[in-house]
Amino acid sequence: MPDALVTFRRTVQGPPPALRRLLGDTVSAGLPAGVSPYPLLRVPAEATLVHEGGEARTVYLVQAGHFKTVRNGEDGYEQVLDFIGSDGLLGCDGLADGHYASGAVALVESWALALPAAELQRLCQQSAAV
C-alpha cells in the first residue's frame, strides 16, 4: 500500500451500511457496539490503492470518493476499465488466482474499507447473501 495511506479504526453504529448490505449481519457478531472490524483507509487523489499484478490479500469496499480501475497494455499505455464509486468493490479480480488483474487509482480523495481476502472467503461460506 502507498505510504500516503492513513489507517484508523472507524467508529460507527455497527458496520457501515454498504458492508452490512454486502455481508449481512455476520460482521456484527461478537463486536463491541460502534466498532467496525475492518480498517478504513484514506486514499489521496491520484494514489494507487491496488497494483496490477500485486498479491491479492485484500478486497476494498469504497465508502466515499471515486476510483478508476486500469490495466497497462503491452504498448505501455494505461487502459481505463471502469469507474468505481461508493459501495463499489475493488480487488475482487484477484481472488481467483491470488493476483490483481487490474489496478485501482483514486480520482479524488477517497475512503475504502480493507477487507482481508481470507476473511471475505470465510464470510462467503457463512452468509448466503454474499
Protein backbone atom coordinates (compact mmCIF):
# COMPACT_ATOMS: atom_id res chain seq x y z
CA MET A 1 0.00 0.00 0.00
CA PRO A 2 1.21 3.54 -0.66
CA ASP A 3 2.92 5.41 2.16
CA ALA A 4 0.33 8.17 1.82
CA LEU A 5 -2.47 5.94 3.09
CA VAL A 6 -3.70 6.68 6.58
CA THR A 7 -5.34 3.88 8.55
CA PHE A 8 -7.59 4.13 11.58
CA ARG A 9 -10.48 2.25 13.16
CA ARG A 10 -13.88 3.57 12.14
CA THR A 11 -16.37 4.25 14.91
CA VAL A 12 -19.95 3.92 13.71
CA GLN A 13 -23.13 2.24 14.86
CA GLY A 14 -22.04 -1.23 13.78
CA PRO A 15 -20.52 -1.90 10.36
CA PRO A 16 -21.00 0.75 7.65
CA PRO A 17 -24.30 0.33 5.72
CA ALA A 18 -22.56 -0.74 2.49
CA LEU A 19 -20.70 -3.54 4.26
CA ARG A 20 -23.82 -4.60 6.12
CA ARG A 21 -25.75 -4.85 2.82
CA LEU A 22 -22.94 -6.83 1.23
CA LEU A 23 -22.21 -9.25 4.05
CA GLY A 24 -25.38 -9.35 6.11
CA ASP A 25 -25.08 -9.45 9.90
CA THR A 26 -22.09 -11.82 10.02
CA VAL A 27 -19.63 -8.96 10.66
CA SER A 28 -21.54 -7.71 13.72
CA ALA A 29 -21.35 -10.91 15.72
CA GLY A 30 -19.24 -10.53 18.84
CA LEU A 31 -18.15 -6.91 18.25
CA PRO A 32 -18.45 -4.07 20.74
CA ALA A 33 -21.14 -1.58 19.73
CA GLY A 34 -19.87 1.16 17.41
CA VAL A 35 -16.68 -0.55 16.18
CA SER A 36 -16.05 -1.67 12.62
CA PRO A 37 -13.83 -4.76 12.41
CA TYR A 38 -12.01 -3.51 9.29
CA PRO A 39 -9.60 -0.59 8.85
CA LEU A 40 -10.79 2.42 6.92
CA LEU A 41 -8.16 3.80 4.55
CA ARG A 42 -7.88 7.39 3.34
CA VAL A 43 -6.58 7.33 -0.21
CA PRO A 44 -5.32 10.68 -1.54
CA ALA A 45 -6.26 11.75 -5.06
CA GLU A 46 -4.09 10.04 -7.71
CA ALA A 47 -2.76 7.44 -5.23
CA THR A 48 -2.78 3.79 -6.26
CA LEU A 49 -4.70 1.55 -3.86
CA VAL A 50 -4.47 -1.70 -5.85
CA HIS A 51 -1.44 -2.54 -8.01
CA GLU A 52 -1.97 -4.64 -11.15
CA GLY A 53 -0.18 -7.97 -10.71
CA GLY A 54 0.19 -7.49 -6.96
CA GLU A 55 -0.64 -10.22 -4.47
CA ALA A 56 -4.38 -10.13 -3.77
CA ARG A 57 -4.63 -10.20 0.00
CA THR A 58 -7.32 -7.54 0.38
CA VAL A 59 -10.66 -6.55 -1.16
CA TYR A 60 -11.67 -2.92 -0.72
CA LEU A 61 -15.18 -1.58 -0.21
CA VAL A 62 -15.36 2.06 -1.33
CA GLN A 63 -17.07 4.22 1.29
CA ALA A 64 -16.57 7.63 -0.35
CA GLY A 65 -14.87 9.01 -3.42
CA HIS A 66 -14.16 7.53 -6.83
CA PHE A 67 -11.56 5.20 -8.35
CA LYS A 68 -10.66 4.19 -11.86
CA THR A 69 -9.63 0.60 -12.50
CA VAL A 70 -6.82 0.32 -15.00
CA ARG A 71 -4.72 -2.21 -16.87
CA ASN A 72 -1.41 -1.50 -18.56
CA GLY A 73 -1.31 -2.62 -22.18
CA GLU A 74 1.63 -4.26 -23.92
CA ASP A 75 2.22 -0.93 -25.69
CA GLY A 76 2.74 0.75 -22.30
CA TYR A 77 -0.48 2.75 -22.36
CA GLU A 78 -2.88 2.70 -19.44
CA GLN A 79 -6.35 1.41 -20.34
CA VAL A 80 -9.22 2.54 -18.12
CA LEU A 81 -11.54 -0.40 -17.47
CA ASP A 82 -14.18 1.07 -15.17
CA PHE A 83 -15.05 3.78 -12.66
CA ILE A 84 -16.00 2.69 -9.14
CA GLY A 85 -17.78 4.88 -6.58
CA SER A 86 -19.35 4.46 -3.15
CA ASP A 87 -20.37 0.90 -2.24
CA GLY A 88 -18.21 -0.48 -5.08
CA LEU A 89 -15.70 -3.28 -4.61
CA LEU A 90 -12.05 -3.13 -5.66
CA GLY A 91 -9.69 -6.10 -5.86
CA CYS A 92 -12.20 -8.88 -6.48
CA ASP A 93 -10.44 -9.68 -9.75
CA GLY A 94 -7.56 -11.11 -7.74
CA LEU A 95 -9.49 -13.64 -5.69
CA ALA A 96 -9.40 -16.41 -8.29
CA ASP A 97 -5.64 -16.66 -8.87
CA GLY A 98 -4.23 -14.60 -5.99
CA HIS A 99 -3.01 -11.63 -8.07
CA TYR A 100 -4.85 -8.46 -9.01
CA ALA A 101 -5.71 -8.41 -12.73
CA SER A 102 -6.08 -4.62 -12.70
CA GLY A 103 -5.04 -1.63 -10.65
CA ALA A 104 -7.18 0.96 -8.85
CA VAL A 105 -6.30 4.66 -8.68
CA ALA A 106 -8.19 7.28 -6.66
CA LEU A 107 -9.59 10.09 -8.79
CA VAL A 108 -10.31 12.26 -5.73
CA GLU A 109 -9.57 11.85 -2.04
CA SER A 110 -11.38 8.62 -1.25
CA TRP A 111 -12.09 6.25 1.63
CA ALA A 112 -12.21 2.45 1.49
CA LEU A 113 -12.61 -0.36 3.99
CA ALA A 114 -9.89 -3.01 3.74
CA LEU A 115 -11.39 -6.49 3.99
CA PRO A 116 -8.82 -9.31 4.06
CA ALA A 117 -9.45 -11.79 1.23
CA ALA A 118 -9.30 -14.74 3.64
CA GLU A 119 -11.95 -13.06 5.81
CA LEU A 120 -14.16 -12.46 2.75
CA GLN A 121 -13.91 -16.14 1.83
CA ARG A 122 -14.85 -17.10 5.40
CA LEU A 123 -17.82 -14.73 5.37
CA CYS A 124 -18.94 -16.09 1.99
CA GLN A 125 -19.12 -19.56 3.50
CA GLN A 126 -21.20 -18.27 6.43
CA SER A 127 -23.58 -15.98 4.54
CA ALA A 128 -25.83 -16.80 1.62
CA ALA A 129 -26.13 -13.04 0.91
CA VAL A 130 -22.57 -12.76 -0.46
